[in-house]
Amino acid sequence: MASFLFVTWDGGGNAVPAAVLAAELALRGHEVTVLGDATQAGAFRAPGTRFVPFSGTRAFPTGSTPRDMLRIATDSGMQRDMMAEFADHPADAVVVDVALFGVMDALRRAGRGYVVLEHTLDGVLRQVLPSLDAVLRFRGMRVLHLLNAGAPVLAPTIPELDRGHGPVVHIGPMVRGVPASPASPTVVLSLSTVPYPALFPTWQRLLDAVEGLPARVVATFGPELPAGSLRVPDGVEVHGWCPHEDLMPRASLVVSHGGHGTAMAALAHGVPLLVLPLDLATDQPWVGRAVQRAGVGRMLCRRSRAGRIRAAIESLLADGPHRSAAARMGERARALDGRARGADVLEMVARAAQRESHRE
């Protein structure tokens, strides 16, 4: 048996890979501790997982400007709590969220190795991180050096989508999909649960676009849209929230904001995507471009008129090369089995640490 410490923060979908891998390792009989924001306790309640909240509370903004990311990356309370937890409960492997460069730096200064866990395309991070590096270098942190010091860096994505990536281990999506088999044409509308300023008007244009569409339409609004705030066409099924595993096996098309997690869930089931990025400062447009480049869907501007969105939906619902390309990518994603592959890699890291400890 080995011991693992995951260090994460409440950034929304970023916690999914950590939660899945922590649960898998606990299921295999390992000792698993997760250090994160108190609001994340519900996401890490799998049997055998010990959740420890940070001693302080913080409310990070939903954007990802350099200033926002600086606050996340350098939070001194996180660093103190992580080192205190590690001192009280030494772990064979420490797995750090890719945004927490201060935590990585604290481990580096203490002479401790760590694994970096990403939650989007590595190639995207290597495009956007230099803006953060320009600030953190004055605090003695070199972002890309800290990232590449991860032993290893885990990318829970499909490698064929990840253009311009660095020396990472592509473990595959965290979703265990099945080939989608809808009984009739079905469109799943799933924009972000984060309250981006563009969320409401984008939803309304999207709903206007599917009015009268000869297909089953399922919309998952999330917690940020109060009942009655949108004009919902007749026939659209509305849910506050619905698990991806309940929707994707019966979907013909997913319309998303370009969140990496939603894209992986759709593609793991072989379902094409239409991406309407809500925030250009995040990975959303990069994910959209990757989807379009791979031929498994399209990306449109969120300000596109309802008629243009409708035409894209109708085109993607029809048969075509995008559908066979999505099916092939689904086969690839399922063959990777990110949950099992990621846990296997982390077990190897822990065993190596245990051997090194015995030699000492």
Protein backbone atom coordinates (compact mmCIF):
# COMPACT_ATOMS: atom_id res chain seq x y z
CA MET A 1 0.00 0.00 0.00
CA ALA A 2 1.15 3.54 -0.75
CA SER A 3 0.11 6.99 0.45
CA PHE A 4 -0.94 9.86 -1.79
CA LEU A 5 -1.61 13.55 -1.15
CA PHE A 6 -3.62 15.54 -3.69
CA VAL A 7 -3.50 19.35 -3.45
CA THR A 8 -6.28 21.12 -5.33
CA TRP A 9 -8.52 24.22 -5.23
CA ASP A 10 -12.10 25.07 -6.10
CA GLY A 11 -11.87 26.19 -9.71
CA GLY A 12 -14.85 24.20 -10.96
CA GLY A 13 -14.05 21.46 -13.46
CA ASN A 14 -10.36 21.45 -12.52
CA ALA A 15 -11.12 19.10 -9.61
CA VAL A 16 -12.58 16.30 -11.73
CA PRO A 17 -9.29 14.55 -12.62
CA ALA A 18 -8.15 14.74 -9.01
CA ALA A 19 -11.45 13.37 -7.71
CA VAL A 20 -11.48 10.49 -10.18
CA LEU A 21 -7.87 9.48 -9.56
CA ALA A 22 -8.20 9.83 -5.78
CA ALA A 23 -11.26 7.57 -5.82
CA GLU A 24 -9.52 4.99 -8.02
CA LEU A 25 -6.44 4.87 -5.79
CA ALA A 26 -8.58 4.54 -2.66
CA LEU A 27 -10.50 1.73 -4.36
CA ARG A 28 -7.18 -0.04 -4.91
CA GLY A 29 -6.53 0.08 -1.17
CA HIS A 30 -4.11 3.00 -0.97
CA GLU A 31 -4.12 5.76 1.65
CA VAL A 32 -5.44 8.91 -0.05
CA THR A 33 -5.65 12.43 1.38
CA VAL A 34 -6.99 15.45 -0.49
CA LEU A 35 -6.16 18.98 0.62
CA GLY A 36 -8.50 21.53 -0.92
CA ASP A 37 -11.04 24.29 -0.39
CA ALA A 38 -13.81 23.47 2.08
CA THR A 39 -16.37 23.87 -0.71
CA GLN A 40 -14.89 20.81 -2.42
CA ALA A 41 -15.62 18.34 0.36
CA GLY A 42 -18.59 16.87 -1.48
CA ALA A 43 -16.49 16.12 -4.57
CA PHE A 44 -14.01 14.06 -2.55
CA ARG A 45 -16.24 11.83 -0.48
CA ALA A 46 -15.42 8.53 -2.16
CA PRO A 47 -14.89 5.70 0.35
CA GLY A 48 -11.33 5.60 1.60
CA THR A 49 -10.58 9.23 0.75
CA ARG A 50 -9.65 11.61 3.57
CA PHE A 51 -10.48 15.24 2.80
CA VAL A 52 -8.71 18.06 4.65
CA PRO A 53 -9.86 21.66 4.04
CA PHE A 54 -7.42 24.52 3.86
CA SER A 55 -7.29 26.45 7.11
CA GLY A 56 -8.32 29.69 5.42
CA THR A 57 -11.24 30.47 3.20
CA ARG A 58 -10.86 32.17 -0.13
CA ALA A 59 -13.18 33.25 -2.88
CA PHE A 60 -11.36 33.12 -6.17
CA PRO A 61 -12.93 34.96 -9.12
CA THR A 62 -14.25 32.97 -12.06
CA GLY A 63 -12.03 34.62 -14.63
CA SER A 64 -8.49 33.64 -15.48
CA THR A 65 -6.72 36.94 -16.01
CA PRO A 66 -3.06 37.04 -14.95
CA ARG A 67 -4.07 38.85 -11.74
CA ASP A 68 -6.64 36.17 -10.87
CA MET A 69 -4.23 33.35 -11.60
CA LEU A 70 -1.53 35.12 -9.58
CA ARG A 71 -3.74 34.98 -6.49
CA ILE A 72 -4.33 31.27 -7.01
CA ALA A 73 -0.74 30.45 -7.83
CA THR A 74 0.84 32.25 -4.88
CA ASP A 75 -1.62 31.78 -2.02
CA SER A 76 0.69 31.47 1.00
CA GLY A 77 -1.95 29.81 3.16
CA MET A 78 -2.16 26.92 0.72
CA GLN A 79 1.59 26.47 0.88
CA ARG A 80 1.68 26.48 4.69
CA ASP A 81 -1.22 24.06 4.96
CA MET A 82 0.31 21.71 2.41
CA MET A 83 3.69 21.60 4.16
CA ALA A 84 2.02 21.12 7.56
CA GLU A 85 -0.11 18.27 6.23
CA PHE A 86 2.91 16.67 4.59
CA ALA A 87 4.89 16.93 7.82
CA ASP A 88 2.09 15.29 9.83
CA HIS A 89 1.26 12.67 7.21
CA PRO A 90 4.19 12.10 4.82
CA ALA A 91 3.02 10.84 1.45
CA ASP A 92 4.82 8.69 -1.07
CA ALA A 93 3.49 10.89 -3.88
CA VAL A 94 2.18 14.45 -3.88
CA VAL A 95 -0.13 15.36 -6.78
CA VAL A 96 -0.49 19.12 -7.33
CA ASP A 97 -3.06 20.95 -9.44
CA VAL A 98 -1.35 22.66 -12.35
CA ALA A 99 -2.44 26.14 -11.21
CA LEU A 100 -0.76 25.91 -7.80
CA PHE A 101 2.77 27.03 -8.62
CA GLY A 102 3.35 28.32 -5.10
CA VAL A 103 2.71 24.83 -3.74
CA MET A 104 5.08 23.36 -6.33
CA ASP A 105 7.72 25.90 -5.37
CA ALA A 106 7.33 25.12 -1.67
CA LEU A 107 7.85 21.43 -2.40
CA ARG A 108 10.85 22.22 -4.60
CA ARG A 109 12.48 24.33 -1.88
CA ALA A 110 11.89 21.53 0.60
CA GLY A 111 13.57 19.05 -1.74
CA ARG A 112 10.36 17.11 -2.35
CA GLY A 113 9.27 15.78 -5.70
CA TYR A 114 5.73 16.15 -7.01
CA VAL A 115 3.40 15.13 -9.80
CA VAL A 116 1.60 17.87 -11.74
CA LEU A 117 -2.01 17.13 -12.63
CA GLU A 118 -3.38 19.18 -15.52
CA HIS A 119 -7.04 19.59 -16.42
CA THR A 120 -6.92 20.83 -19.97
CA LEU A 121 -4.76 20.54 -23.08
CA ASP A 122 -1.07 20.89 -22.21
CA GLY A 123 -0.47 22.81 -25.41
CA VAL A 124 -2.92 25.45 -24.24
CA LEU A 125 -1.11 25.89 -20.93
CA ARG A 126 2.21 26.39 -22.68
CA GLN A 127 0.65 29.20 -24.71
CA VAL A 128 -0.97 31.05 -21.79
CA LEU A 129 1.46 30.45 -18.90
CA PRO A 130 4.17 32.86 -20.11
CA SER A 131 1.94 35.78 -19.10
CA LEU A 132 1.92 34.44 -15.53
CA ASP A 133 5.64 33.67 -15.65
CA ALA A 134 6.39 37.32 -16.38
CA VAL A 135 5.05 38.18 -12.91
CA LEU A 136 6.06 35.15 -10.86
CA ARG A 137 9.71 35.27 -11.88
CA PHE A 138 10.05 38.35 -9.63
CA ARG A 139 9.04 36.08 -6.75
CA GLY A 140 11.68 33.55 -7.65
CA MET A 141 9.30 31.22 -9.48
CA ARG A 142 9.75 30.16 -13.10
CA VAL A 143 6.40 28.77 -14.14
CA LEU A 144 7.48 26.48 -16.95
CA HIS A 145 10.42 25.20 -14.89
CA LEU A 146 8.05 24.31 -12.06
CA LEU A 147 5.62 22.70 -14.50
CA ASN A 148 8.31 20.63 -16.20
CA ALA A 149 9.72 19.59 -12.82
CA GLY A 150 6.59 17.50 -12.32
CA ALA A 151 7.66 13.89 -12.23
CA PRO A 152 5.63 13.31 -14.25
CA VAL A 153 3.14 15.83 -15.67
CA LEU A 154 -0.20 14.12 -16.26
CA ALA A 155 -2.51 15.36 -19.02
CA PRO A 156 -5.99 13.80 -18.76
CA THR A 157 -6.82 14.35 -22.39
CA ILE A 158 -6.75 12.74 -25.83
CA PRO A 159 -3.23 13.20 -27.22
CA GLU A 160 -4.42 13.70 -30.81
CA LEU A 161 -6.15 16.91 -29.71
CA ASP A 162 -3.13 18.30 -27.84
CA ARG A 163 -1.10 20.34 -30.32
CA GLY A 164 2.15 21.91 -29.09
CA HIS A 165 2.32 19.93 -25.86
CA GLY A 166 5.43 19.47 -23.77
CA PRO A 167 6.94 16.41 -22.05
CA VAL A 168 3.73 15.08 -20.53
CA VAL A 169 2.08 11.72 -20.03
CA HIS A 170 -1.26 11.69 -21.82
CA ILE A 171 -3.31 9.41 -19.63
CA GLY A 172 -6.59 10.01 -21.47
CA PRO A 173 -9.98 11.34 -20.33
CA MET A 174 -11.30 10.57 -16.87
CA VAL A 175 -14.60 9.45 -18.40
CA ARG A 176 -15.44 5.80 -19.04
CA GLY A 177 -17.63 6.24 -22.06
CA VAL A 178 -19.64 3.88 -24.22
CA PRO A 179 -20.50 4.32 -27.91
CA ALA A 180 -23.48 6.67 -27.97
CA SER A 181 -26.64 5.08 -29.33
CA PRO A 182 -29.51 7.61 -29.32
CA ALA A 183 -33.01 6.27 -30.02
CA SER A 184 -33.71 9.43 -32.02
CA PRO A 185 -31.77 12.60 -32.89
CA THR A 186 -30.86 14.17 -29.54
CA VAL A 187 -29.08 17.44 -28.83
CA VAL A 188 -27.60 18.10 -25.39
CA LEU A 189 -27.11 21.78 -24.49
CA SER A 190 -24.56 22.12 -21.69
CA LEU A 191 -22.94 25.49 -21.12
CA SER A 192 -20.83 26.37 -18.11
CA THR A 193 -21.99 26.28 -14.49
CA VAL A 194 -19.65 29.24 -13.89
CA PRO A 195 -21.49 32.61 -14.08
CA TYR A 196 -19.55 34.15 -16.96
CA PRO A 197 -21.00 37.51 -18.04
CA ALA A 198 -21.87 36.03 -21.44
CA LEU A 199 -23.72 33.04 -20.01
CA PHE A 200 -27.27 34.41 -20.05
CA PRO A 201 -27.34 35.96 -23.58
CA THR A 202 -25.56 32.94 -25.06
CA TRP A 203 -28.13 30.62 -23.54
CA GLN A 204 -30.97 32.67 -24.98
CA ARG A 205 -29.50 32.67 -28.50
CA LEU A 206 -28.95 28.94 -28.24
CA LEU A 207 -32.50 28.29 -27.08
CA ASP A 208 -33.84 30.45 -29.88
CA ALA A 209 -31.74 28.42 -32.31
CA VAL A 210 -33.28 25.07 -31.30
CA GLU A 211 -36.88 26.25 -31.32
CA GLY A 212 -38.88 23.83 -33.44
CA LEU A 213 -35.86 21.63 -34.14
CA PRO A 214 -37.03 18.14 -35.15
CA ALA A 215 -35.00 16.47 -32.45
CA ARG A 216 -35.07 15.83 -28.73
CA VAL A 217 -33.35 18.77 -27.00
CA VAL A 218 -32.07 18.52 -23.42
CA ALA A 219 -30.74 21.64 -21.66
CA THR A 220 -28.79 21.58 -18.39
CA PHE A 221 -28.80 25.11 -16.98
CA GLY A 222 -26.76 24.65 -13.83
CA PRO A 223 -27.20 26.73 -10.66
CA GLU A 224 -26.54 30.17 -12.16
CA LEU A 225 -29.78 30.59 -14.15
CA PRO A 226 -32.90 31.04 -11.98
CA ALA A 227 -36.14 29.49 -13.15
CA GLY A 228 -38.00 31.76 -15.52
CA SER A 229 -34.98 33.87 -16.43
CA LEU A 230 -34.91 32.55 -20.01
CA ARG A 231 -37.50 32.05 -22.71
CA VAL A 232 -37.48 28.30 -23.20
CA PRO A 233 -39.16 26.95 -26.36
CA ASP A 234 -41.81 24.29 -26.03
CA GLY A 235 -40.43 20.78 -26.11
CA VAL A 236 -37.01 21.57 -24.62
CA GLU A 237 -36.29 19.40 -21.58
CA VAL A 238 -34.76 21.53 -18.84
CA HIS A 239 -32.62 20.22 -15.99
CA GLY A 240 -30.74 22.13 -13.33
CA TRP A 241 -28.04 19.51 -13.48
CA CYS A 242 -27.71 16.04 -14.95
CA PRO A 243 -24.67 13.73 -14.88
CA HIS A 244 -22.81 13.41 -18.16
CA GLU A 245 -22.98 9.64 -17.91
CA ASP A 246 -26.78 9.88 -18.04
CA LEU A 247 -26.88 12.14 -21.10
CA MET A 248 -23.95 11.31 -23.38
CA PRO A 249 -24.88 7.68 -24.21
CA ARG A 250 -28.12 8.95 -25.74
CA ALA A 251 -26.76 12.08 -27.45
CA SER A 252 -26.31 12.78 -31.16
CA LEU A 253 -24.68 16.18 -30.60
CA VAL A 254 -23.43 18.21 -27.64
CA VAL A 255 -23.45 22.02 -27.69
CA SER A 256 -20.95 23.28 -25.14
CA HIS A 257 -18.97 26.35 -24.07
CA GLY A 258 -15.72 24.48 -24.70
CA GLY A 259 -14.94 23.34 -21.19
CA HIS A 260 -12.35 20.59 -21.43
CA GLY A 261 -14.28 18.23 -19.17
CA THR A 262 -17.49 18.45 -21.21
CA ALA A 263 -15.56 18.00 -24.45
CA MET A 264 -13.85 14.87 -23.10
CA ALA A 265 -17.17 13.48 -21.89
CA ALA A 266 -18.76 13.94 -25.32
CA LEU A 267 -15.80 12.56 -27.26
CA ALA A 268 -15.40 9.56 -24.94
CA HIS A 269 -18.88 8.59 -26.12
CA GLY A 270 -18.07 9.37 -29.75
CA VAL A 271 -20.41 12.38 -29.87
CA PRO A 272 -19.60 15.43 -32.07
CA LEU A 273 -19.50 18.92 -30.55
CA LEU A 274 -20.54 22.46 -31.35
CA VAL A 275 -18.47 24.83 -29.21
CA LEU A 276 -19.54 28.37 -28.27
CA PRO A 277 -16.74 29.75 -26.05
CA LEU A 278 -17.99 32.01 -23.28
CA ASP A 279 -14.64 33.38 -22.09
CA LEU A 280 -11.79 33.93 -24.52
CA ALA A 281 -9.29 34.28 -21.66
CA THR A 282 -9.73 30.61 -20.71
CA ASP A 283 -9.00 27.37 -22.55
CA GLN A 284 -12.46 27.37 -24.14
CA PRO A 285 -11.53 28.76 -27.58
CA TRP A 286 -8.46 26.52 -27.68
CA VAL A 287 -10.62 23.47 -27.00
CA GLY A 288 -13.04 24.63 -29.67
CA ARG A 289 -10.27 25.00 -32.22
CA ALA A 290 -8.89 21.57 -31.33
CA VAL A 291 -12.34 20.04 -31.84
CA GLN A 292 -12.71 21.75 -35.21
CA ARG A 293 -9.16 20.90 -36.30
CA ALA A 294 -9.74 17.22 -35.49
CA GLY A 295 -12.91 17.19 -37.58
CA VAL A 296 -15.12 16.12 -34.67
CA GLY A 297 -17.20 19.29 -34.53
CA ARG A 298 -17.27 23.02 -35.06
CA MET A 299 -16.68 26.24 -33.16
CA LEU A 300 -18.75 29.40 -33.51
CA CYS A 301 -18.53 32.79 -31.83
CA ARG A 302 -20.89 32.99 -28.87
CA ARG A 303 -22.36 36.14 -30.42
CA SER A 304 -23.44 34.24 -33.54
CA ARG A 305 -27.06 34.82 -34.46
CA ALA A 306 -29.58 32.11 -33.67
CA GLY A 307 -29.96 31.31 -37.38
CA ARG A 308 -26.27 30.55 -37.78
CA ILE A 309 -26.23 28.40 -34.65
CA ARG A 310 -29.29 26.56 -35.96
CA ALA A 311 -27.58 25.86 -39.29
CA ALA A 312 -24.50 24.48 -37.52
CA ILE A 313 -26.63 22.23 -35.33
CA GLU A 314 -28.55 20.88 -38.31
CA SER A 315 -25.30 20.25 -40.19
CA LEU A 316 -23.72 18.41 -37.27
CA LEU A 317 -26.85 16.32 -36.67
CA ALA A 318 -26.63 15.02 -40.24
CA ASP A 319 -24.38 12.19 -41.32
CA GLY A 320 -20.93 13.21 -42.46
CA PRO A 321 -17.19 12.78 -41.84
CA HIS A 322 -17.47 14.56 -38.48
CA ARG A 323 -19.61 11.73 -37.14
CA SER A 324 -17.20 8.97 -38.13
CA ALA A 325 -14.26 11.06 -36.86
CA ALA A 326 -15.97 11.48 -33.49
CA ALA A 327 -16.68 7.74 -33.34
CA ARG A 328 -13.01 6.95 -33.98
CA MET A 329 -11.90 9.43 -31.33
CA GLY A 330 -14.33 7.84 -28.91
CA GLU A 331 -12.71 4.47 -29.51
CA ARG A 332 -9.31 6.03 -28.85
CA ALA A 333 -10.48 7.70 -25.64
CA ARG A 334 -12.03 4.51 -24.30
CA ALA A 335 -8.90 2.51 -25.12
CA LEU A 336 -6.78 4.94 -23.09
CA ASP A 337 -8.98 4.56 -19.96
CA GLY A 338 -7.60 7.61 -18.16
CA ARG A 339 -8.84 6.54 -14.75
CA ALA A 340 -6.92 3.25 -14.75
CA ARG A 341 -3.90 4.57 -16.69
CA GLY A 342 -3.52 7.59 -14.39
CA ALA A 343 -3.73 5.45 -11.25
CA ASP A 344 -1.17 3.04 -12.73
CA VAL A 345 1.29 5.89 -13.32
CA LEU A 346 0.80 7.27 -9.81
CA GLU A 347 1.37 3.83 -8.31
CA MET A 348 4.69 3.62 -10.19
CA VAL A 349 5.69 7.04 -8.81
CA ALA A 350 4.83 5.94 -5.27
CA ARG A 351 6.72 2.65 -5.59
CA ALA A 352 9.81 4.49 -6.83
CA ALA A 353 9.59 6.86 -3.84
CA GLN A 354 9.27 3.94 -1.45
CA ARG A 355 12.35 2.24 -2.93
CA GLU A 356 14.32 5.48 -2.64
CA SER A 357 13.21 5.88 0.98
CA HIS A 358 14.37 2.36 1.85
CA ARG A 359 17.78 3.05 0.30
CA GLU A 360 18.13 6.09 2.54
